[in-house]
Amino acid sequence: MEQKLTYNLAVRLFSDEKCFGPGVAQLLHRVQELHSLRAAAMSMNMAYSKAWTITKAALGFPLLHSITGGRGGGGAELTPEGERLLEAYDDYCRQLRAFADGLFQEKFGYLQEE
């Protein structure tokens, strides 16, 4: 029995020493879903301090706005810049994967035929 051939594509954006990639994107999606950086980090088995550092100034601007606790509790939401970056990143990855899928089929499809 032959094994099916696959590929893996990961997109990372760099600016000097800062990086934005799949892990940061996943964290931001979880923040959107859970409205909490702490809950998002916990759901990914990530230390809150690491999550806070990552989102504080990735690519030179803050990705999150924290809401201080109180009667209704605290939380977090994406900044407008964070939302725009995440949307652009997701769209870029989607388009790149669509192109890569076609190219993969073109170059390696003969290995997938039975």
PDB file of N, CA and C in Angstrom:
ATOM      1  N   MET A   1       0.840  -1.184   0.000  1.00  0.00           N
ATOM      2  CA  MET A   1       0.000   0.000   0.000  1.00  0.00           C
ATOM      3  C   MET A   1       0.885   1.248   0.000  1.00  0.00           C
ATOM      4  N   GLU A   2       0.644   2.133  -0.960  1.00  0.00           N
ATOM      5  CA  GLU A   2       1.428   3.362  -1.062  1.00  0.00           C
ATOM      6  C   GLU A   2       0.845   4.449  -0.179  1.00  0.00           C
ATOM      7  N   GLN A   3       1.714   5.312   0.305  1.00  0.00           N
ATOM      8  CA  GLN A   3       1.256   6.425   1.121  1.00  0.00           C
ATOM      9  C   GLN A   3       0.876   7.598   0.231  1.00  0.00           C
ATOM     10  N   LYS A   4      -0.145   8.333   0.643  1.00  0.00           N
ATOM     11  CA  LYS A   4      -0.588   9.499  -0.112  1.00  0.00           C
ATOM     12  C   LYS A   4       0.387  10.651   0.135  1.00  0.00           C
ATOM     13  N   LEU A   5       0.762  11.333  -0.925  1.00  0.00           N
ATOM     14  CA  LEU A   5       1.688  12.463  -0.845  1.00  0.00           C
ATOM     15  C   LEU A   5       0.911  13.735  -0.528  1.00  0.00           C
ATOM     16  N   THR A   6       1.395  14.499   0.415  1.00  0.00           N
ATOM     17  CA  THR A   6       0.771  15.776   0.784  1.00  0.00           C
ATOM     18  C   THR A   6       1.852  16.843   0.893  1.00  0.00           C
ATOM     19  N   TYR A   7       1.433  18.068   1.149  1.00  0.00           N
ATOM     20  CA  TYR A   7       2.383  19.157   1.385  1.00  0.00           C
ATOM     21  C   TYR A   7       1.888  20.003   2.540  1.00  0.00           C
ATOM     22  N   ASN A   8       2.764  20.823   3.067  1.00  0.00           N
ATOM     23  CA  ASN A   8       2.410  21.729   4.162  1.00  0.00           C
ATOM     24  C   ASN A   8       2.917  23.110   3.802  1.00  0.00           C
ATOM     25  N   LEU A   9       2.052  24.079   3.944  1.00  0.00           N
ATOM     26  CA  LEU A   9       2.390  25.456   3.618  1.00  0.00           C
ATOM     27  C   LEU A   9       2.090  26.314   4.841  1.00  0.00           C
ATOM     28  N   ALA A  10       3.095  27.013   5.348  1.00  0.00           N
ATOM     29  CA  ALA A  10       2.904  27.906   6.488  1.00  0.00           C
ATOM     30  C   ALA A  10       3.391  29.296   6.094  1.00  0.00           C
ATOM     31  N   VAL A  11       2.565  30.286   6.359  1.00  0.00           N
ATOM     32  CA  VAL A  11       2.894  31.662   5.994  1.00  0.00           C
ATOM     33  C   VAL A  11       3.273  32.439   7.247  1.00  0.00           C
ATOM     34  N   ARG A  12       4.426  33.098   7.184  1.00  0.00           N
ATOM     35  CA  ARG A  12       4.895  33.950   8.281  1.00  0.00           C
ATOM     36  C   ARG A  12       5.281  35.301   7.697  1.00  0.00           C
ATOM     37  N   LEU A  13       4.830  36.352   8.351  1.00  0.00           N
ATOM     38  CA  LEU A  13       5.160  37.711   7.942  1.00  0.00           C
ATOM     39  C   LEU A  13       6.237  38.238   8.877  1.00  0.00           C
ATOM     40  N   PHE A  14       7.252  38.873   8.317  1.00  0.00           N
ATOM     41  CA  PHE A  14       8.372  39.364   9.120  1.00  0.00           C
ATOM     42  C   PHE A  14       8.552  40.861   8.967  1.00  0.00           C
ATOM     43  N   SER A  15       8.898  41.488  10.063  1.00  0.00           N
ATOM     44  CA  SER A  15       9.263  42.898  10.087  1.00  0.00           C
ATOM     45  C   SER A  15      10.367  43.017  11.126  1.00  0.00           C
ATOM     46  N   ASP A  16      11.584  43.238  10.692  1.00  0.00           N
ATOM     47  CA  ASP A  16      12.754  43.210  11.581  1.00  0.00           C
ATOM     48  C   ASP A  16      12.759  41.877  12.325  1.00  0.00           C
ATOM     49  N   GLU A  17      12.597  41.903  13.638  1.00  0.00           N
ATOM     50  CA  GLU A  17      12.620  40.666  14.416  1.00  0.00           C
ATOM     51  C   GLU A  17      11.222  40.182  14.763  1.00  0.00           C
ATOM     52  N   LYS A  18      10.212  40.932  14.398  1.00  0.00           N
ATOM     53  CA  LYS A  18       8.832  40.563  14.723  1.00  0.00           C
ATOM     54  C   LYS A  18       8.295  39.604  13.673  1.00  0.00           C
ATOM     55  N   CYS A  19       7.378  38.761  14.095  1.00  0.00           N
ATOM     56  CA  CYS A  19       6.828  37.770  13.189  1.00  0.00           C
ATOM     57  C   CYS A  19       5.339  37.584  13.473  1.00  0.00           C
ATOM     58  N   PHE A  20       4.568  37.379  12.413  1.00  0.00           N
ATOM     59  CA  PHE A  20       3.146  37.060  12.517  1.00  0.00           C
ATOM     60  C   PHE A  20       2.925  35.823  11.679  1.00  0.00           C
ATOM     61  N   GLY A  21       2.368  34.793  12.284  1.00  0.00           N
ATOM     62  CA  GLY A  21       2.175  33.556  11.558  1.00  0.00           C
ATOM     63  C   GLY A  21       0.958  32.799  12.039  1.00  0.00           C
ATOM     64  N   PRO A  22       0.916  31.510  11.737  1.00  0.00           N
ATOM     65  CA  PRO A  22      -0.269  30.708  12.052  1.00  0.00           C
ATOM     66  C   PRO A  22      -0.622  30.681  13.538  1.00  0.00           C
ATOM     67  N   GLY A  23       0.367  30.641  14.401  1.00  0.00           N
ATOM     68  CA  GLY A  23       0.095  30.596  15.840  1.00  0.00           C
ATOM     69  C   GLY A  23      -0.528  31.877  16.355  1.00  0.00           C
ATOM     70  N   VAL A  24      -0.019  33.014  15.917  1.00  0.00           N
ATOM     71  CA  VAL A  24      -0.571  34.309  16.332  1.00  0.00           C
ATOM     72  C   VAL A  24      -1.978  34.461  15.757  1.00  0.00           C
ATOM     73  N   ALA A  25      -2.161  34.051  14.512  1.00  0.00           N
ATOM     74  CA  ALA A  25      -3.485  34.129  13.891  1.00  0.00           C
ATOM     75  C   ALA A  25      -4.486  33.269  14.659  1.00  0.00           C
ATOM     76  N   GLN A  26      -4.084  32.079  15.031  1.00  0.00           N
ATOM     77  CA  GLN A  26      -4.975  31.195  15.800  1.00  0.00           C
ATOM     78  C   GLN A  26      -5.321  31.835  17.142  1.00  0.00           C
ATOM     79  N   LEU A  27      -4.335  32.434  17.803  1.00  0.00           N
ATOM     80  CA  LEU A  27      -4.574  33.105  19.080  1.00  0.00           C
ATOM     81  C   LEU A  27      -5.590  34.239  18.906  1.00  0.00           C
ATOM     82  N   LEU A  28      -5.441  35.024  17.852  1.00  0.00           N
ATOM     83  CA  LEU A  28      -6.376  36.134  17.619  1.00  0.00           C
ATOM     84  C   LEU A  28      -7.783  35.628  17.311  1.00  0.00           C
ATOM     85  N   HIS A  29      -7.896  34.551  16.566  1.00  0.00           N
ATOM     86  CA  HIS A  29      -9.218  33.971  16.305  1.00  0.00           C
ATOM     87  C   HIS A  29      -9.865  33.507  17.611  1.00  0.00           C
ATOM     88  N   ARG A  30      -9.065  32.935  18.485  1.00  0.00           N
ATOM     89  CA  ARG A  30      -9.595  32.476  19.781  1.00  0.00           C
ATOM     90  C   ARG A  30     -10.015  33.665  20.643  1.00  0.00           C
ATOM     91  N   VAL A  31      -9.265  34.761  20.582  1.00  0.00           N
ATOM     92  CA  VAL A  31      -9.654  35.965  21.321  1.00  0.00           C
ATOM     93  C   VAL A  31     -10.990  36.479  20.786  1.00  0.00           C
ATOM     94  N   GLN A  32     -11.163  36.486  19.477  1.00  0.00           N
ATOM     95  CA  GLN A  32     -12.438  36.915  18.894  1.00  0.00           C
ATOM     96  C   GLN A  32     -13.587  36.034  19.385  1.00  0.00           C
ATOM     97  N   GLU A  33     -13.321  34.757  19.499  1.00  0.00           N
ATOM     98  CA  GLU A  33     -14.339  33.798  19.917  1.00  0.00           C
ATOM     99  C   GLU A  33     -14.620  33.880  21.415  1.00  0.00           C
ATOM    100  N   LEU A  34     -13.557  33.975  22.218  1.00  0.00           N
ATOM    101  CA  LEU A  34     -13.692  33.876  23.673  1.00  0.00           C
ATOM    102  C   LEU A  34     -13.707  35.234  24.384  1.00  0.00           C
ATOM    103  N   HIS A  35     -13.344  36.297  23.676  1.00  0.00           N
ATOM    104  CA  HIS A  35     -13.309  37.663  24.232  1.00  0.00           C
ATOM    105  C   HIS A  35     -12.387  37.770  25.448  1.00  0.00           C
ATOM    106  N   SER A  36     -11.330  36.959  25.440  1.00  0.00           N
ATOM    107  CA  SER A  36     -10.392  36.960  26.563  1.00  0.00           C
ATOM    108  C   SER A  36      -9.052  36.420  26.091  1.00  0.00           C
ATOM    109  N   LEU A  37      -7.993  37.177  26.345  1.00  0.00           N
ATOM    110  CA  LEU A  37      -6.655  36.704  25.999  1.00  0.00           C
ATOM    111  C   LEU A  37      -6.268  35.527  26.877  1.00  0.00           C
ATOM    112  N   ARG A  38      -6.605  35.603  28.154  1.00  0.00           N
ATOM    113  CA  ARG A  38      -6.268  34.514  29.079  1.00  0.00           C
ATOM    114  C   ARG A  38      -6.955  33.211  28.645  1.00  0.00           C
ATOM    115  N   ALA A  39      -8.237  33.271  28.328  1.00  0.00           N
ATOM    116  CA  ALA A  39      -8.972  32.073  27.904  1.00  0.00           C
ATOM    117  C   ALA A  39      -8.430  31.561  26.566  1.00  0.00           C
ATOM    118  N   ALA A  40      -8.099  32.478  25.657  1.00  0.00           N
ATOM    119  CA  ALA A  40      -7.546  32.076  24.365  1.00  0.00           C
ATOM    120  C   ALA A  40      -6.217  31.358  24.557  1.00  0.00           C
ATOM    121  N   ALA A  41      -5.353  31.925  25.396  1.00  0.00           N
ATOM    122  CA  ALA A  41      -4.052  31.304  25.658  1.00  0.00           C
ATOM    123  C   ALA A  41      -4.226  29.933  26.302  1.00  0.00           C
ATOM    124  N   MET A  42      -5.120  29.843  27.282  1.00  0.00           N
ATOM    125  CA  MET A  42      -5.359  28.558  27.946  1.00  0.00           C
ATOM    126  C   MET A  42      -5.859  27.511  26.959  1.00  0.00           C
ATOM    127  N   SER A  43      -6.716  27.914  26.026  1.00  0.00           N
ATOM    128  CA  SER A  43      -7.269  26.961  25.064  1.00  0.00           C
ATOM    129  C   SER A  43      -6.193  26.409  24.128  1.00  0.00           C
ATOM    130  N   MET A  44      -5.067  27.128  24.048  1.00  0.00           N
ATOM    131  CA  MET A  44      -3.963  26.687  23.202  1.00  0.00           C
ATOM    132  C   MET A  44      -2.795  26.129  24.015  1.00  0.00           C
ATOM    133  N   ASN A  45      -2.996  25.976  25.320  1.00  0.00           N
ATOM    134  CA  ASN A  45      -1.930  25.537  26.224  1.00  0.00           C
ATOM    135  C   ASN A  45      -0.726  26.465  26.144  1.00  0.00           C
ATOM    136  N   MET A  46      -0.999  27.758  26.084  1.00  0.00           N
ATOM    137  CA  MET A  46       0.045  28.772  25.996  1.00  0.00           C
ATOM    138  C   MET A  46       0.032  29.598  27.279  1.00  0.00           C
ATOM    139  N   ALA A  47       1.201  29.958  27.753  1.00  0.00           N
ATOM    140  CA  ALA A  47       1.283  30.815  28.933  1.00  0.00           C
ATOM    141  C   ALA A  47       0.687  32.183  28.606  1.00  0.00           C
ATOM    142  N   TYR A  48      -0.080  32.726  29.544  1.00  0.00           N
ATOM    143  CA  TYR A  48      -0.694  34.038  29.351  1.00  0.00           C
ATOM    144  C   TYR A  48       0.372  35.089  29.065  1.00  0.00           C
ATOM    145  N   SER A  49       1.503  35.007  29.771  1.00  0.00           N
ATOM    146  CA  SER A  49       2.569  36.004  29.579  1.00  0.00           C
ATOM    147  C   SER A  49       3.106  35.961  28.143  1.00  0.00           C
ATOM    148  N   LYS A  50       3.210  34.770  27.574  1.00  0.00           N
ATOM    149  CA  LYS A  50       3.670  34.657  26.190  1.00  0.00           C
ATOM    150  C   LYS A  50       2.632  35.240  25.240  1.00  0.00           C
ATOM    151  N   ALA A  51       1.366  34.924  25.470  1.00  0.00           N
ATOM    152  CA  ALA A  51       0.290  35.445  24.625  1.00  0.00           C
ATOM    153  C   ALA A  51       0.260  36.971  24.685  1.00  0.00           C
ATOM    154  N   TRP A  52       0.423  37.513  25.871  1.00  0.00           N
ATOM    155  CA  TRP A  52       0.403  38.964  26.046  1.00  0.00           C
ATOM    156  C   TRP A  52       1.570  39.599  25.292  1.00  0.00           C
ATOM    157  N   THR A  53       2.755  39.017  25.404  1.00  0.00           N
ATOM    158  CA  THR A  53       3.945  39.534  24.713  1.00  0.00           C
ATOM    159  C   THR A  53       3.761  39.480  23.198  1.00  0.00           C
ATOM    160  N   ILE A  54       3.242  38.378  22.710  1.00  0.00           N
ATOM    161  CA  ILE A  54       3.044  38.199  21.268  1.00  0.00           C
ATOM    162  C   ILE A  54       2.106  39.261  20.707  1.00  0.00           C
ATOM    163  N   THR A  55       1.039  39.531  21.417  1.00  0.00           N
ATOM    164  CA  THR A  55       0.003  40.427  20.883  1.00  0.00           C
ATOM    165  C   THR A  55       0.263  41.895  21.185  1.00  0.00           C
ATOM    166  N   LYS A  56       1.201  42.169  22.064  1.00  0.00           N
ATOM    167  CA  LYS A  56       1.437  43.557  22.478  1.00  0.00           C
ATOM    168  C   LYS A  56       1.903  44.428  21.313  1.00  0.00           C
ATOM    169  N   ALA A  57       2.879  43.963  20.553  1.00  0.00           N
ATOM    170  CA  ALA A  57       3.407  44.811  19.482  1.00  0.00           C
ATOM    171  C   ALA A  57       3.941  43.988  18.318  1.00  0.00           C
ATOM    172  N   ALA A  58       3.189  42.984  17.924  1.00  0.00           N
ATOM    173  CA  ALA A  58       3.604  42.216  16.747  1.00  0.00           C
ATOM    174  C   ALA A  58       3.588  43.145  15.544  1.00  0.00           C
ATOM    175  N   LEU A  59       4.639  43.132  14.781  1.00  0.00           N
ATOM    176  CA  LEU A  59       4.774  43.958  13.584  1.00  0.00           C
ATOM    177  C   LEU A  59       4.688  45.455  13.875  1.00  0.00           C
ATOM    178  N   GLY A  60       4.936  45.857  15.128  1.00  0.00           N
ATOM    179  CA  GLY A  60       5.056  47.273  15.444  1.00  0.00           C
ATOM    180  C   GLY A  60       3.800  47.977  15.914  1.00  0.00           C
ATOM    181  N   PHE A  61       2.689  47.261  16.040  1.00  0.00           N
ATOM    182  CA  PHE A  61       1.472  47.891  16.565  1.00  0.00           C
ATOM    183  C   PHE A  61       0.699  46.867  17.388  1.00  0.00           C
ATOM    184  N   PRO A  62      -0.073  47.354  18.364  1.00  0.00           N
ATOM    185  CA  PRO A  62      -0.816  46.414  19.219  1.00  0.00           C
ATOM    186  C   PRO A  62      -1.942  45.731  18.441  1.00  0.00           C
ATOM    187  N   LEU A  63      -2.138  44.460  18.726  1.00  0.00           N
ATOM    188  CA  LEU A  63      -3.178  43.686  18.069  1.00  0.00           C
ATOM    189  C   LEU A  63      -4.452  43.613  18.904  1.00  0.00           C
ATOM    190  N   LEU A  64      -4.306  43.826  20.215  1.00  0.00           N
ATOM    191  CA  LEU A  64      -5.438  43.705  21.127  1.00  0.00           C
ATOM    192  C   LEU A  64      -5.625  44.956  21.960  1.00  0.00           C
ATOM    193  N   HIS A  65      -6.857  45.145  22.357  1.00  0.00           N
ATOM    194  CA  HIS A  65      -7.221  46.183  23.312  1.00  0.00           C
ATOM    195  C   HIS A  65      -7.814  45.454  24.513  1.00  0.00           C
ATOM    196  N   SER A  66      -7.221  45.662  25.681  1.00  0.00           N
ATOM    197  CA  SER A  66      -7.717  45.001  26.885  1.00  0.00           C
ATOM    198  C   SER A  66      -8.789  45.848  27.547  1.00  0.00           C
ATOM    199  N   ILE A  67      -9.784  45.164  28.056  1.00  0.00           N
ATOM    200  CA  ILE A  67     -10.852  45.816  28.803  1.00  0.00           C
ATOM    201  C   ILE A  67     -10.671  45.403  30.256  1.00  0.00           C
ATOM    202  N   THR A  68     -10.499  46.382  31.125  1.00  0.00           N
ATOM    203  CA  THR A  68     -10.228  46.060  32.530  1.00  0.00           C
ATOM    204  C   THR A  68     -11.439  45.436  33.190  1.00  0.00           C
ATOM    205  N   GLY A  69     -11.141  44.587  34.158  1.00  0.00           N
ATOM    206  CA  GLY A  69     -12.198  43.887  34.892  1.00  0.00           C
ATOM    207  C   GLY A  69     -13.065  44.842  35.678  1.00  0.00           C
ATOM    208  N   GLY A  70     -13.963  44.305  36.377  1.00  0.00           N
ATOM    209  CA  GLY A  70     -14.907  45.091  37.147  1.00  0.00           C
ATOM    210  C   GLY A  70     -16.160  44.274  37.320  1.00  0.00           C
ATOM    211  N   ARG A  71     -17.239  44.960  37.446  1.00  0.00           N
ATOM    212  CA  ARG A  71     -18.509  44.281  37.682  1.00  0.00           C
ATOM    213  C   ARG A  71     -18.856  43.276  36.579  1.00  0.00           C
ATOM    214  N   GLY A  72     -18.664  43.673  35.327  1.00  0.00           N
ATOM    215  CA  GLY A  72     -18.960  42.784  34.209  1.00  0.00           C
ATOM    216  C   GLY A  72     -17.788  41.915  33.805  1.00  0.00           C
ATOM    217  N   GLY A  73     -16.666  42.061  34.481  1.00  0.00           N
ATOM    218  CA  GLY A  73     -15.476  41.306  34.122  1.00  0.00           C
ATOM    219  C   GLY A  73     -14.689  42.002  33.039  1.00  0.00           C
ATOM    220  N   GLY A  74     -13.499  41.555  32.843  1.00  0.00           N
ATOM    221  CA  GLY A  74     -12.632  42.148  31.833  1.00  0.00           C
ATOM    222  C   GLY A  74     -12.746  41.393  30.529  1.00  0.00           C
ATOM    223  N   GLY A  75     -11.806  41.649  29.663  1.00  0.00           N
ATOM    224  CA  GLY A  75     -11.820  40.946  28.392  1.00  0.00           C
ATOM    225  C   GLY A  75     -10.816  41.546  27.444  1.00  0.00           C
ATOM    226  N   ALA A  76     -10.885  41.120  26.218  1.00  0.00           N
ATOM    227  CA  ALA A  76      -9.977  41.623  25.191  1.00  0.00           C
ATOM    228  C   ALA A  76     -10.702  41.599  23.859  1.00  0.00           C
ATOM    229  N   GLU A  77     -10.325  42.533  23.013  1.00  0.00           N
ATOM    230  CA  GLU A  77     -10.848  42.566  21.647  1.00  0.00           C
ATOM    231  C   GLU A  77      -9.730  43.012  20.732  1.00  0.00           C
ATOM    232  N   LEU A  78      -9.849  42.649  19.481  1.00  0.00           N
ATOM    233  CA  LEU A  78      -8.833  43.050  18.514  1.00  0.00           C
ATOM    234  C   LEU A  78      -8.933  44.543  18.236  1.00  0.00           C
ATOM    235  N   THR A  79      -7.780  45.161  18.065  1.00  0.00           N
ATOM    236  CA  THR A  79      -7.758  46.555  17.646  1.00  0.00           C
ATOM    237  C   THR A  79      -8.184  46.588  16.173  1.00  0.00           C
ATOM    238  N   PRO A  80      -8.573  47.746  15.661  1.00  0.00           N
ATOM    239  CA  PRO A  80      -8.899  47.818  14.231  1.00  0.00           C
ATOM    240  C   PRO A  80      -7.731  47.339  13.360  1.00  0.00           C
ATOM    241  N   GLU A  81      -6.500  47.675  13.762  1.00  0.00           N
ATOM    242  CA  GLU A  81      -5.317  47.222  13.016  1.00  0.00           C
ATOM    243  C   GLU A  81      -5.170  45.702  13.107  1.00  0.00           C
ATOM    244  N   GLY A  82      -5.467  45.151  14.284  1.00  0.00           N
ATOM    245  CA  GLY A  82      -5.401  43.705  14.471  1.00  0.00           C
ATOM    246  C   GLY A  82      -6.427  42.979  13.625  1.00  0.00           C
ATOM    247  N   GLU A  83      -7.649  43.517  13.583  1.00  0.00           N
ATOM    248  CA  GLU A  83      -8.701  42.926  12.753  1.00  0.00           C
ATOM    249  C   GLU A  83      -8.325  42.968  11.278  1.00  0.00           C
ATOM    250  N   ARG A  84      -7.815  44.109  10.858  1.00  0.00           N
ATOM    251  CA  ARG A  84      -7.441  44.265   9.443  1.00  0.00           C
ATOM    252  C   ARG A  84      -6.302  43.312   9.070  1.00  0.00           C
ATOM    253  N   LEU A  85      -5.299  43.208   9.949  1.00  0.00           N
ATOM    254  CA  LEU A  85      -4.176  42.306   9.696  1.00  0.00           C
ATOM    255  C   LEU A  85      -4.645  40.861   9.635  1.00  0.00           C
ATOM    256  N   LEU A  86      -5.472  40.446  10.591  1.00  0.00           N
ATOM    257  CA  LEU A  86      -5.944  39.060  10.628  1.00  0.00           C
ATOM    258  C   LEU A  86      -6.780  38.733   9.394  1.00  0.00           C
ATOM    259  N   GLU A  87      -7.645  39.647   9.006  1.00  0.00           N
ATOM    260  CA  GLU A  87      -8.470  39.424   7.814  1.00  0.00           C
ATOM    261  C   GLU A  87      -7.596  39.319   6.560  1.00  0.00           C
ATOM    262  N   ALA A  88      -6.627  40.215   6.431  1.00  0.00           N
ATOM    263  CA  ALA A  88      -5.729  40.186   5.264  1.00  0.00           C
ATOM    264  C   ALA A  88      -4.885  38.907   5.264  1.00  0.00           C
ATOM    265  N   TYR A  89      -4.390  38.518   6.438  1.00  0.00           N
ATOM    266  CA  TYR A  89      -3.574  37.304   6.560  1.00  0.00           C
ATOM    267  C   TYR A  89      -4.394  36.076   6.165  1.00  0.00           C
ATOM    268  N   ASP A  90      -5.614  35.974   6.701  1.00  0.00           N
ATOM    269  CA  ASP A  90      -6.470  34.827   6.380  1.00  0.00           C
ATOM    270  C   ASP A  90      -6.771  34.766   4.883  1.00  0.00           C
ATOM    271  N   ASP A  91      -7.082  35.911   4.301  1.00  0.00           N
ATOM    272  CA  ASP A  91      -7.393  35.967   2.879  1.00  0.00           C
ATOM    273  C   ASP A  91      -6.167  35.596   2.042  1.00  0.00           C
ATOM    274  N   TYR A  92      -5.016  36.121   2.413  1.00  0.00           N
ATOM    275  CA  TYR A  92      -3.761  35.812   1.716  1.00  0.00           C
ATOM    276  C   TYR A  92      -3.479  34.308   1.778  1.00  0.00           C
ATOM    277  N   CYS A  93      -3.614  33.728   2.967  1.00  0.00           N
ATOM    278  CA  CYS A  93      -3.364  32.291   3.125  1.00  0.00           C
ATOM    279  C   CYS A  93      -4.343  31.468   2.307  1.00  0.00           C
ATOM    280  N   ARG A  94      -5.606  31.867   2.301  1.00  0.00           N
ATOM    281  CA  ARG A  94      -6.629  31.165   1.532  1.00  0.00           C
ATOM    282  C   ARG A  94      -6.285  31.178   0.039  1.00  0.00           C
ATOM    283  N   GLN A  95      -5.927  32.348  -0.467  1.00  0.00           N
ATOM    284  CA  GLN A  95      -5.591  32.456  -1.888  1.00  0.00           C
ATOM    285  C   GLN A  95      -4.309  31.698  -2.220  1.00  0.00           C
ATOM    286  N   LEU A  96      -3.329  31.784  -1.341  1.00  0.00           N
ATOM    287  CA  LEU A  96      -2.069  31.083  -1.566  1.00  0.00           C
ATOM    288  C   LEU A  96      -2.277  29.572  -1.569  1.00  0.00           C
ATOM    289  N   ARG A  97      -3.100  29.072  -0.641  1.00  0.00           N
ATOM    290  CA  ARG A  97      -3.374  27.629  -0.598  1.00  0.00           C
ATOM    291  C   ARG A  97      -4.100  27.164  -1.857  1.00  0.00           C
ATOM    292  N   ALA A  98      -5.044  27.978  -2.334  1.00  0.00           N
ATOM    293  CA  ALA A  98      -5.774  27.616  -3.560  1.00  0.00           C
ATOM    294  C   ALA A  98      -4.794  27.495  -4.729  1.00  0.00           C
ATOM    295  N   PHE A  99      -3.884  28.441  -4.843  1.00  0.00           N
ATOM    296  CA  PHE A  99      -2.870  28.380  -5.900  1.00  0.00           C
ATOM    297  C   PHE A  99      -1.954  27.177  -5.686  1.00  0.00           C
ATOM    298  N   ALA A 100      -1.516  26.986  -4.444  1.00  0.00           N
ATOM    299  CA  ALA A 100      -0.598  25.884  -4.140  1.00  0.00           C
ATOM    300  C   ALA A 100      -1.248  24.529  -4.391  1.00  0.00           C
ATOM    301  N   ASP A 101      -2.545  24.407  -4.106  1.00  0.00           N
ATOM    302  CA  ASP A 101      -3.235  23.139  -4.370  1.00  0.00           C
ATOM    303  C   ASP A 101      -3.204  22.802  -5.852  1.00  0.00           C
ATOM    304  N   GLY A 102      -3.472  23.798  -6.685  1.00  0.00           N
ATOM    305  CA  GLY A 102      -3.431  23.580  -8.133  1.00  0.00           C
ATOM    306  C   GLY A 102      -2.040  23.236  -8.615  1.00  0.00           C
ATOM    307  N   LEU A 103      -1.050  23.944  -8.123  1.00  0.00           N
ATOM    308  CA  LEU A 103       0.330  23.694  -8.514  1.00  0.00           C
ATOM    309  C   LEU A 103       0.787  22.317  -8.042  1.00  0.00           C
ATOM    310  N   PHE A 104       0.387  21.950  -6.822  1.00  0.00           N
ATOM    311  CA  PHE A 104       0.731  20.623  -6.295  1.00  0.00           C
ATOM    312  C   PHE A 104       0.140  19.528  -7.185  1.00  0.00           C
ATOM    313  N   GLN A 105      -1.119  19.708  -7.561  1.00  0.00           N
ATOM    314  CA  GLN A 105      -1.774  18.722  -8.421  1.00  0.00           C
ATOM    315  C   GLN A 105      -1.076  18.642  -9.777  1.00  0.00           C
ATOM    316  N   GLU A 106      -0.711  19.807 -10.310  1.00  0.00           N
ATOM    317  CA  GLU A 106      -0.025  19.860 -11.608  1.00  0.00           C
ATOM    318  C   GLU A 106       1.322  19.140 -11.553  1.00  0.00           C
ATOM    319  N   LYS A 107       2.084  19.367 -10.499  1.00  0.00           N
ATOM    320  CA  LYS A 107       3.435  18.815 -10.415  1.00  0.00           C
ATOM    321  C   LYS A 107       3.486  17.389  -9.864  1.00  0.00           C
ATOM    322  N   PHE A 108       2.585  17.065  -8.931  1.00  0.00           N
ATOM    323  CA  PHE A 108       2.682  15.778  -8.248  1.00  0.00           C
ATOM    324  C   PHE A 108       1.432  14.919  -8.379  1.00  0.00           C
ATOM    325  N   GLY A 109       0.460  15.378  -9.154  1.00  0.00           N
ATOM    326  CA  GLY A 109      -0.786  14.639  -9.310  1.00  0.00           C
ATOM    327  C   GLY A 109      -0.584  13.234  -9.848  1.00  0.00           C
ATOM    328  N   TYR A 110       0.429  13.067 -10.687  1.00  0.00           N
ATOM    329  CA  TYR A 110       0.683  11.731 -11.253  1.00  0.00           C
ATOM    330  C   TYR A 110       1.025  10.719 -10.157  1.00  0.00           C
ATOM    331  N   LEU A 111       1.533  11.190  -9.024  1.00  0.00           N
ATOM    332  CA  LEU A 111       1.868  10.282  -7.917  1.00  0.00           C
ATOM    333  C   LEU A 111       0.613   9.887  -7.126  1.00  0.00           C
ATOM    334  N   GLN A 112      -0.471  10.632  -7.312  1.00  0.00           N
ATOM    335  CA  GLN A 112      -1.710  10.379  -6.557  1.00  0.00           C
ATOM    336  C   GLN A 112      -2.633   9.420  -7.311  1.00  0.00           C
ATOM    337  N   GLU A 113      -2.365   9.210  -8.587  1.00  0.00           N
ATOM    338  CA  GLU A 113      -3.236   8.334  -9.373  1.00  0.00           C
ATOM    339  C   GLU A 113      -3.059   6.889  -8.938  1.00  0.00           C
ATOM    340  N   GLU A 114      -4.147   6.153  -8.999  1.00  0.00           N
ATOM    341  CA  GLU A 114      -4.084   4.744  -8.584  1.00  0.00           C
ATOM    342  C   GLU A 114      -4.054   3.843  -9.777  1.00  0.00           C
TER     343      GLU A 114
END
